[in-house]
Protein backbone atom coordinates (compact mmCIF):
# COMPACT_ATOMS: atom_id res chain seq x y z
CA MET A 1 -12.83 1.44 -4.10
CA ALA A 2 -11.95 -0.92 -6.92
CA LEU A 3 -11.59 1.99 -9.33
CA MET A 4 -9.42 3.92 -6.87
CA PHE A 5 -7.21 0.86 -6.44
CA PHE A 6 -6.97 0.38 -10.22
CA THR A 7 -6.14 4.06 -10.75
CA ALA A 8 -3.40 3.87 -8.11
CA VAL A 9 -1.83 0.88 -9.86
CA VAL A 10 -1.97 2.59 -13.27
CA SER A 11 -0.52 5.82 -11.86
CA LEU A 12 2.64 3.99 -10.81
CA PHE A 13 3.41 3.48 -14.51
CA LEU A 14 3.19 7.23 -15.24
CA GLN A 15 6.48 9.08 -15.00
CA ALA A 16 6.63 12.16 -12.78
CA GLN A 17 6.88 15.28 -14.92
CA VAL A 18 7.09 17.97 -12.20
CA GLY A 19 9.48 18.21 -9.26
CA PRO A 20 12.22 15.87 -8.16
CA GLN A 21 12.23 12.28 -9.36
CA PHE A 22 13.28 9.07 -7.64
CA LEU A 23 14.77 6.29 -9.74
CA GLN A 24 14.24 8.60 -12.75
CA HIS A 25 10.52 7.82 -12.69
CA PHE A 26 8.68 8.36 -9.39
CA GLY A 27 7.76 11.68 -7.81
CA TYR A 28 6.24 12.73 -4.51
CA ILE A 29 2.72 12.33 -5.88
CA HIS A 30 3.36 8.58 -6.23
CA LEU A 31 3.34 8.38 -2.44
CA PHE A 32 -0.42 8.93 -2.59
CA SER A 33 -0.71 5.96 -4.93
CA LEU A 34 1.07 3.85 -2.33
CA LEU A 35 -1.26 5.23 0.34
CA THR A 36 -4.23 4.12 -1.74
CA LEU A 37 -2.74 0.68 -2.41
CA TRP A 38 -2.34 0.19 1.35
CA THR A 39 -5.57 1.79 2.56
CA VAL A 40 -8.11 0.13 0.24
CA PRO A 41 -7.32 -3.51 1.17
CA THR A 42 -6.92 -2.75 4.87
CA ALA A 43 -10.24 -0.88 4.91
CA ILE A 44 -11.96 -3.82 3.24
CA MET A 45 -10.42 -6.23 5.76
CA ALA A 46 -11.51 -3.98 8.64
CA ILE A 47 -15.14 -3.86 7.51
CA LYS A 48 -15.18 -7.63 6.94
CA LYS A 49 -14.00 -8.09 10.53
CA GLY A 50 -16.76 -5.75 11.70
CA ASP A 51 -14.32 -3.07 12.86
CA ILE A 52 -16.34 -0.07 11.75
CA LYS A 53 -14.16 2.42 13.62
CA ALA A 54 -10.97 1.26 11.82
CA HIS A 55 -12.79 1.19 8.48
CA LYS A 56 -14.07 4.72 9.00
CA ARG A 57 -10.60 5.94 9.97
CA LYS A 58 -9.03 4.37 6.87
CA MET A 59 -11.69 5.80 4.57
CA TRP A 60 -11.15 9.24 6.07
CA LEU A 61 -7.38 8.86 5.51
CA LEU A 62 -7.98 7.80 1.93
CA TYR A 63 -10.37 10.68 1.28
CA VAL A 64 -8.10 13.35 2.73
CA GLY A 65 -4.81 11.96 1.41
CA ALA A 66 -5.72 10.59 -1.97
CA ILE A 67 -8.53 12.88 -3.02
CA ILE A 68 -8.10 16.27 -1.33
CA ILE A 69 -4.30 16.53 -1.04
CA ALA A 70 -3.35 14.65 -4.22
CA GLY A 71 -6.17 16.39 -6.07
CA GLY A 72 -4.78 19.71 -4.90
CA PHE A 73 -1.33 18.80 -6.20
CA THR A 74 -2.79 18.31 -9.67
CA LEU A 75 -3.51 22.03 -9.73
CA ALA A 76 0.14 22.99 -9.05
CA PRO A 77 1.80 25.21 -11.67
CA GLY A 78 3.52 23.19 -14.36
CA ARG A 79 1.03 20.33 -14.21
CA TYR A 80 -1.32 19.56 -17.09
CA LEU A 81 -4.57 20.31 -15.24
CA HIS A 82 -3.25 23.70 -14.08
CA THR A 83 -2.39 24.58 -17.67
CA LEU A 84 -5.73 23.35 -18.91
CA LEU A 85 -7.79 25.29 -16.36
CA PHE A 86 -5.80 28.51 -15.89
CA ASN A 87 -4.26 29.26 -19.30
C-alpha cells in the first residue's frame, strides 16, 4: 500500500499526454491517483479500528479503480504502453 500511495503522489507530477487536460497538466487518469490517495489512508484507518468490512470494501475499490480500470487506460491508443506492446 505504501508503494501504491507513493506512485499516486509521483503520478500527479506527470503531465497528461492523451485526451483533454485540466489546468494544462492533469487528465482524467489523475482521478485514479486521487482515488488511491484517499483510499489507502482510509483503509488503513478502518483496519486499525477493526472495521474489516470497511477495509475490505476500500481495498476492493482500490483494486478495481486503481489497478483494473486505470491499468486498462494505459493500453488506450496513443499511450506509451499501447505503442510499446502493439506496434
